Amino acid sequence: MMQLFDIIASSGLWAAILRIATPLIFGTLGALLCERAGVLNLGIEGIMTFGAMIGWLSVYHGADLWTGLLIAALAGGVFGLLHAGLTVTLGLSQHVSGLGVTLFASSFSYYVFRLIVPLANTPPTIVPFQPIAIPGLSTLPFIGPAFFTQTAPTYLAIIIALLMAYIIFRTPVGLAIRMTGENPHAAEAQGVNPMKVRYGAVIAGSALMGMGGAFLTLSAFNSFFPTMVQGRGWICIALVVFASWRPGRALFGALLFAFFDAFQLRLQTALSGLVPYQLFLMTPYILSIAALAVMARRARVPQALMQPYRRGER
């Protein structure tokens, strides 16, 4: 029991929670923005993989870290444009298109990486983002090292989550996005162009997904390997439902999953040899499924989600 208390009371645990949550925050916000406009984007896993690769590759070839993050966002936006073209303009299945984008982006990432970086026993590395100690806050007992010595992209992810919550529920742009996701014909009657709104939401959301992937190579780690996203994209899709399509709850959901993950890693060390490690690896997913099952019962799905829009049709 004391071991559990020591783990929870450790500032290192809470610092790790924010680090683990950061790519989930970016990815979940990106998926949420797409779905609020009525488009399911299952390309997230591939977009995050490509963002991780292209962001790292840019820095490896001389770009600074912020430029690498921007390039990852632009690359994500390009894949978002592809997905929007297939689903919004052509009205193809959002499931099939999204899975196609994931397969294409993941395979293309590995192809480009191996084309430019030859096979090596040790992957080449870069110097990643370094933790930033916020003056006056980083020296506070416990909460200082836990919350105020993170890298810049972590602070950026939290700011974007708060900003998105404000935009979606407090601005005309957010109202247009929500109307398009609920009833695009009603949105059109109010002078909103649902096609443009969906394109903008999918491109911007995919850019956030690319940034989430880039965090892994530019901040959490310092090199790229093809399987490093490890299903985080699919977790983000589930977190959107958990959050009931609300950015504030999405932030909480990402932090909650990160808590389960960081806690099980430390629990493995504390109880090494007493319990099979596979049980610990299962724990965050089992608890997340349980939380999702509880929250999904009360979630209100955008009414036009996954429904192609055709002007003049009802």
Protein backbone atom coordinates (compact mmCIF):
# COMPACT_ATOMS: atom_id res chain seq x y z
CA MET A 1 0.00 0.00 0.00
CA MET A 2 2.84 2.35 0.83
CA GLN A 3 4.36 1.65 -2.57
CA LEU A 4 1.16 2.79 -4.28
CA PHE A 5 1.10 5.96 -2.20
CA ASP A 6 4.76 6.68 -2.94
CA ILE A 7 4.12 6.29 -6.67
CA ILE A 8 1.10 8.61 -6.66
CA ALA A 9 2.89 11.17 -4.48
CA SER A 10 5.88 11.27 -6.83
CA SER A 11 6.26 14.44 -8.90
CA GLY A 12 7.94 12.28 -11.55
CA LEU A 13 4.67 10.43 -12.13
CA TRP A 14 2.71 13.60 -12.78
CA ALA A 15 5.43 15.01 -15.03
CA ALA A 16 5.31 11.77 -17.03
CA ILE A 17 1.51 12.03 -17.27
CA LEU A 18 1.76 15.35 -19.09
CA ARG A 19 4.43 14.01 -21.44
CA ILE A 20 2.44 10.88 -22.28
CA ALA A 21 -0.78 12.89 -22.69
CA THR A 22 0.64 15.50 -25.09
CA PRO A 23 0.42 13.51 -28.38
CA LEU A 24 -3.01 12.26 -27.28
CA ILE A 25 -4.17 15.84 -26.69
CA PHE A 26 -3.06 16.92 -30.17
CA GLY A 27 -4.58 13.85 -31.82
CA THR A 28 -7.85 13.92 -29.89
CA LEU A 29 -8.39 17.62 -30.57
CA GLY A 30 -7.72 17.01 -34.25
CA ALA A 31 -10.19 14.12 -34.45
CA LEU A 32 -12.74 16.10 -32.43
CA LEU A 33 -12.54 19.07 -34.79
CA CYS A 34 -13.11 16.82 -37.83
CA GLU A 35 -16.06 15.05 -36.22
CA ARG A 36 -17.65 18.27 -34.99
CA ALA A 37 -17.93 19.22 -38.66
CA GLY A 38 -19.40 15.82 -39.54
CA VAL A 39 -16.33 13.97 -40.87
CA LEU A 40 -14.87 10.88 -39.24
CA ASN A 41 -11.10 10.83 -39.80
CA LEU A 42 -9.70 7.33 -39.31
CA GLY A 43 -6.52 8.43 -41.06
CA ILE A 44 -5.20 9.67 -37.73
CA GLU A 45 -2.86 6.74 -37.06
CA GLY A 46 -1.10 7.17 -40.41
CA ILE A 47 -1.09 10.97 -40.20
CA MET A 48 0.57 10.83 -36.77
CA THR A 49 3.15 8.36 -38.12
CA PHE A 50 3.97 10.58 -41.09
CA GLY A 51 4.07 13.67 -38.85
CA ALA A 52 6.55 11.91 -36.57
CA MET A 53 8.72 10.94 -39.53
CA ILE A 54 8.67 14.19 -41.52
CA GLY A 55 9.12 16.38 -38.44
CA TRP A 56 12.14 14.36 -37.34
CA LEU A 57 13.56 14.17 -40.85
CA SER A 58 13.30 17.94 -41.28
CA VAL A 59 15.26 18.58 -38.09
CA TYR A 60 17.73 15.84 -38.94
CA HIS A 61 18.50 17.68 -42.20
CA GLY A 62 19.05 21.04 -40.55
CA ALA A 63 15.68 22.64 -39.74
CA ASP A 64 15.05 23.95 -36.24
CA LEU A 65 12.60 22.17 -33.96
CA TRP A 66 9.73 24.61 -34.43
CA THR A 67 10.12 24.41 -38.20
CA GLY A 68 10.01 20.62 -37.92
CA LEU A 69 6.77 20.88 -35.93
CA LEU A 70 5.32 23.25 -38.54
CA ILE A 71 6.30 20.93 -41.40
CA ALA A 72 4.60 18.03 -39.60
CA ALA A 73 1.45 20.15 -39.27
CA LEU A 74 1.54 21.05 -42.97
CA ALA A 75 2.05 17.41 -43.93
CA GLY A 76 -0.91 16.45 -41.75
CA GLY A 77 -2.96 19.14 -43.47
CA VAL A 78 -2.09 17.68 -46.88
CA PHE A 79 -3.37 14.26 -45.84
CA GLY A 80 -6.43 15.99 -44.42
CA LEU A 81 -6.98 17.63 -47.79
CA LEU A 82 -6.80 14.19 -49.43
CA HIS A 83 -9.32 12.76 -46.97
CA ALA A 84 -11.63 15.76 -47.38
CA GLY A 85 -11.46 15.46 -51.17
CA LEU A 86 -12.51 11.83 -51.02
CA THR A 87 -15.24 12.22 -48.41
CA VAL A 88 -16.56 15.77 -48.72
CA THR A 89 -16.33 16.35 -52.46
CA LEU A 90 -16.77 12.79 -53.75
CA GLY A 91 -18.93 11.59 -50.85
CA LEU A 92 -17.03 8.31 -50.44
CA SER A 93 -17.19 6.20 -47.30
CA GLN A 94 -15.43 8.00 -44.48
CA HIS A 95 -14.43 4.68 -42.92
CA VAL A 96 -12.80 3.35 -46.08
CA SER A 97 -11.14 6.65 -46.97
CA GLY A 98 -9.74 7.08 -43.46
CA LEU A 99 -8.33 3.57 -43.34
CA GLY A 100 -6.86 4.10 -46.80
CA VAL A 101 -5.15 7.30 -45.62
CA THR A 102 -3.75 5.45 -42.60
CA LEU A 103 -2.34 2.63 -44.71
CA PHE A 104 -0.93 5.00 -47.31
CA ALA A 105 0.59 7.47 -44.83
CA SER A 106 2.12 4.74 -42.65
CA SER A 107 3.66 2.90 -45.62
CA PHE A 108 4.83 6.14 -47.24
CA SER A 109 6.48 7.17 -43.97
CA TYR A 110 8.54 4.00 -43.84
CA TYR A 111 9.39 4.25 -47.55
CA VAL A 112 10.62 7.85 -47.31
CA PHE A 113 12.53 7.14 -44.10
CA ARG A 114 14.38 4.17 -45.60
CA LEU A 115 14.94 6.04 -48.86
CA ILE A 116 16.68 8.93 -47.14
CA VAL A 117 18.12 7.22 -44.06
CA PRO A 118 19.96 3.98 -44.93
CA LEU A 119 19.61 0.91 -42.75
CA ALA A 120 21.65 1.18 -39.58
CA ASN A 121 21.92 -0.77 -36.35
CA THR A 122 21.45 2.43 -34.36
CA PRO A 123 18.88 4.95 -35.69
CA PRO A 124 20.30 8.48 -36.11
CA THR A 125 19.24 10.99 -33.49
CA ILE A 126 18.56 14.70 -33.11
CA VAL A 127 18.59 17.10 -30.17
CA PRO A 128 14.91 17.30 -29.12
CA PHE A 129 12.97 20.02 -27.34
CA GLN A 130 14.34 20.56 -23.84
CA PRO A 131 12.16 21.10 -20.73
CA ILE A 132 11.39 24.73 -19.98
CA ALA A 133 11.36 25.75 -16.33
CA ILE A 134 8.75 28.49 -15.90
CA PRO A 135 10.24 31.18 -13.61
CA GLY A 136 8.55 31.42 -10.25
CA LEU A 137 6.49 28.26 -10.80
CA SER A 138 9.04 25.53 -11.50
CA THR A 139 10.55 25.96 -8.03
CA LEU A 140 7.26 25.34 -6.20
CA PRO A 141 7.28 22.14 -4.11
CA PHE A 142 5.86 19.11 -5.96
CA ILE A 143 3.79 20.95 -8.56
CA GLY A 144 6.82 22.85 -9.88
CA PRO A 145 8.81 19.87 -11.22
CA ALA A 146 5.57 18.02 -12.07
CA PHE A 147 3.76 20.62 -14.15
CA PHE A 148 6.08 23.54 -14.91
CA THR A 149 9.21 21.89 -16.31
CA GLN A 150 7.71 20.49 -19.52
CA THR A 151 8.78 21.00 -23.12
CA ALA A 152 7.22 23.77 -25.20
CA PRO A 153 4.89 21.51 -27.28
CA THR A 154 3.22 20.28 -24.07
CA TYR A 155 2.34 23.83 -23.05
CA LEU A 156 1.20 24.47 -26.63
CA ALA A 157 -1.13 21.44 -26.59
CA ILE A 158 -2.85 22.64 -23.40
CA ILE A 159 -3.23 26.16 -24.80
CA ILE A 160 -4.74 24.79 -28.02
CA ALA A 161 -7.22 22.69 -26.02
CA LEU A 162 -8.41 25.74 -24.09
CA LEU A 163 -8.47 27.89 -27.23
CA MET A 164 -10.47 25.27 -29.15
CA ALA A 165 -13.04 25.06 -26.36
CA TYR A 166 -13.49 28.82 -26.59
CA ILE A 167 -13.70 28.86 -30.39
CA ILE A 168 -16.19 26.00 -30.70
CA PHE A 169 -18.63 27.26 -28.07
CA ARG A 170 -18.08 31.02 -28.04
CA THR A 171 -17.43 32.20 -31.60
CA PRO A 172 -19.31 32.35 -34.93
CA VAL A 173 -16.70 30.03 -36.47
CA GLY A 174 -17.40 27.44 -33.80
CA LEU A 175 -21.14 27.81 -34.32
CA ALA A 176 -20.68 27.20 -38.06
CA ILE A 177 -18.65 24.06 -37.34
CA ARG A 178 -21.26 22.73 -34.92
CA MET A 179 -24.15 23.53 -37.25
CA THR A 180 -22.39 21.75 -40.12
CA GLY A 181 -21.88 18.68 -37.96
CA GLU A 182 -25.50 18.68 -36.80
CA ASN A 183 -27.47 19.79 -39.86
CA PRO A 184 -25.51 21.05 -42.87
CA HIS A 185 -28.70 21.97 -44.74
CA ALA A 186 -29.76 24.25 -41.90
CA ALA A 187 -26.25 25.70 -41.85
CA GLU A 188 -26.50 26.44 -45.56
CA ALA A 189 -29.83 28.17 -45.02
CA GLN A 190 -28.03 30.51 -42.62
CA GLY A 191 -25.42 31.42 -45.21
CA VAL A 192 -22.76 28.92 -44.15
CA ASN A 193 -20.98 26.85 -46.80
CA PRO A 194 -20.87 23.33 -45.29
CA MET A 195 -18.36 22.12 -47.87
CA LYS A 196 -15.84 24.83 -46.97
CA VAL A 197 -16.42 24.30 -43.25
CA ARG A 198 -15.81 20.57 -43.55
CA TYR A 199 -12.70 21.09 -45.64
CA GLY A 200 -11.31 23.61 -43.15
CA ALA A 201 -12.08 21.44 -40.13
CA VAL A 202 -10.56 18.29 -41.64
CA ILE A 203 -7.41 20.07 -42.80
CA ALA A 204 -6.92 21.88 -39.47
CA GLY A 205 -7.73 18.74 -37.48
CA SER A 206 -5.28 16.68 -39.52
CA ALA A 207 -2.61 19.32 -38.97
CA LEU A 208 -3.05 18.84 -35.21
CA MET A 209 -2.71 15.08 -35.70
CA GLY A 210 0.57 15.64 -37.52
CA MET A 211 1.81 17.77 -34.63
CA GLY A 212 0.87 15.00 -32.22
CA GLY A 213 3.02 12.58 -34.15
CA ALA A 214 5.90 15.06 -34.37
CA PHE A 215 5.90 15.43 -30.59
CA LEU A 216 7.03 11.83 -30.31
CA THR A 217 10.20 12.39 -32.34
CA LEU A 218 10.92 16.02 -31.49
CA SER A 219 10.23 15.98 -27.76
CA ALA A 220 9.42 12.60 -26.21
CA PHE A 221 12.21 10.80 -28.11
CA ASN A 222 15.02 11.87 -30.42
CA SER A 223 14.73 9.42 -33.34
CA PHE A 224 12.11 7.81 -35.55
CA PHE A 225 11.02 4.21 -35.95
CA PRO A 226 7.96 3.13 -37.96
CA THR A 227 5.93 1.61 -35.11
CA MET A 228 6.42 4.39 -32.58
CA VAL A 229 2.83 5.72 -32.71
CA GLN A 230 1.70 2.33 -31.32
CA GLY A 231 -2.05 2.77 -31.69
CA ARG A 232 -2.24 6.24 -30.16
CA GLY A 233 -4.39 7.36 -33.10
CA TRP A 234 -7.07 4.76 -32.33
CA ILE A 235 -6.96 5.79 -28.66
CA CYS A 236 -7.63 9.37 -29.75
CA ILE A 237 -10.73 8.26 -31.70
CA ALA A 238 -12.04 6.58 -28.54
CA LEU A 239 -11.18 9.62 -26.42
CA VAL A 240 -13.37 11.82 -28.64
CA VAL A 241 -16.37 9.68 -27.72
CA PHE A 242 -15.29 9.66 -24.07
CA ALA A 243 -15.17 13.46 -24.21
CA SER A 244 -18.63 13.75 -25.76
CA TRP A 245 -17.05 15.89 -28.49
CA ARG A 246 -16.00 18.60 -26.00
CA PRO A 247 -12.38 19.90 -25.98
CA GLY A 248 -12.24 20.32 -22.19
CA ARG A 249 -13.30 16.75 -21.61
CA ALA A 250 -10.90 15.63 -24.34
CA LEU A 251 -8.05 17.19 -22.38
CA PHE A 252 -9.22 15.39 -19.24
CA GLY A 253 -9.58 12.08 -21.10
CA ALA A 254 -6.05 12.29 -22.51
CA LEU A 255 -4.67 13.02 -19.04
CA LEU A 256 -6.68 10.16 -17.56
CA PHE A 257 -5.34 7.62 -20.06
CA ALA A 258 -1.83 9.00 -19.53
CA PHE A 259 -2.26 8.53 -15.77
CA PHE A 260 -3.18 4.86 -16.26
CA ASP A 261 -0.19 4.37 -18.57
CA ALA A 262 2.38 6.16 -16.41
CA PHE A 263 1.09 4.46 -13.27
CA GLN A 264 1.32 0.95 -14.72
CA LEU A 265 4.91 1.57 -15.82
CA ARG A 266 5.95 2.44 -12.30
CA LEU A 267 3.85 -0.36 -10.84
CA GLN A 268 5.74 -2.82 -13.04
CA THR A 269 8.98 -1.74 -11.42
CA ALA A 270 7.57 -1.79 -7.90
CA LEU A 271 6.03 -5.27 -8.27
CA SER A 272 8.63 -6.74 -10.61
CA GLY A 273 8.44 -10.54 -10.66
CA LEU A 274 5.27 -10.75 -8.57
CA VAL A 275 2.76 -10.16 -11.38
CA PRO A 276 3.17 -10.88 -15.13
CA TYR A 277 4.12 -7.65 -16.88
CA GLN A 278 1.49 -8.26 -19.59
CA LEU A 279 -1.18 -7.61 -16.99
CA PHE A 280 0.26 -4.15 -16.36
CA LEU A 281 0.37 -3.42 -20.09
CA MET A 282 -3.33 -4.29 -20.34
CA THR A 283 -4.34 -2.09 -17.42
CA PRO A 284 -4.59 1.36 -19.10
CA TYR A 285 -6.61 -0.08 -21.99
CA ILE A 286 -8.98 -2.04 -19.74
CA LEU A 287 -9.60 0.99 -17.54
CA SER A 288 -10.03 3.22 -20.58
CA ILE A 289 -12.59 0.85 -22.09
CA ALA A 290 -14.48 0.83 -18.80
CA ALA A 291 -14.45 4.65 -18.64
CA LEU A 292 -15.49 4.85 -22.30
CA ALA A 293 -18.39 2.47 -21.72
CA VAL A 294 -19.67 4.65 -18.89
CA MET A 295 -19.27 7.98 -20.69
CA ALA A 296 -20.47 6.80 -24.12
CA ARG A 297 -23.96 6.11 -22.73
CA ARG A 298 -24.41 9.84 -22.21
CA ALA A 299 -22.51 11.04 -25.29
CA ARG A 300 -24.47 12.95 -27.90
CA VAL A 301 -23.10 12.20 -31.38
CA PRO A 302 -23.15 15.02 -33.97
CA GLN A 303 -26.22 14.17 -36.03
CA ALA A 304 -24.57 14.59 -39.45
CA LEU A 305 -21.41 12.67 -38.56
CA MET A 306 -20.39 10.37 -41.45
CA GLN A 307 -23.26 11.65 -43.63
CA PRO A 308 -22.17 12.98 -47.05
CA TYR A 309 -23.51 16.43 -47.83
CA ARG A 310 -25.04 17.25 -51.20
CA ARG A 311 -26.37 20.73 -51.85
CA GLY A 312 -30.11 20.69 -52.42
CA GLU A 313 -30.57 17.10 -51.13
CA ARG A 314 -32.20 16.25 -47.83
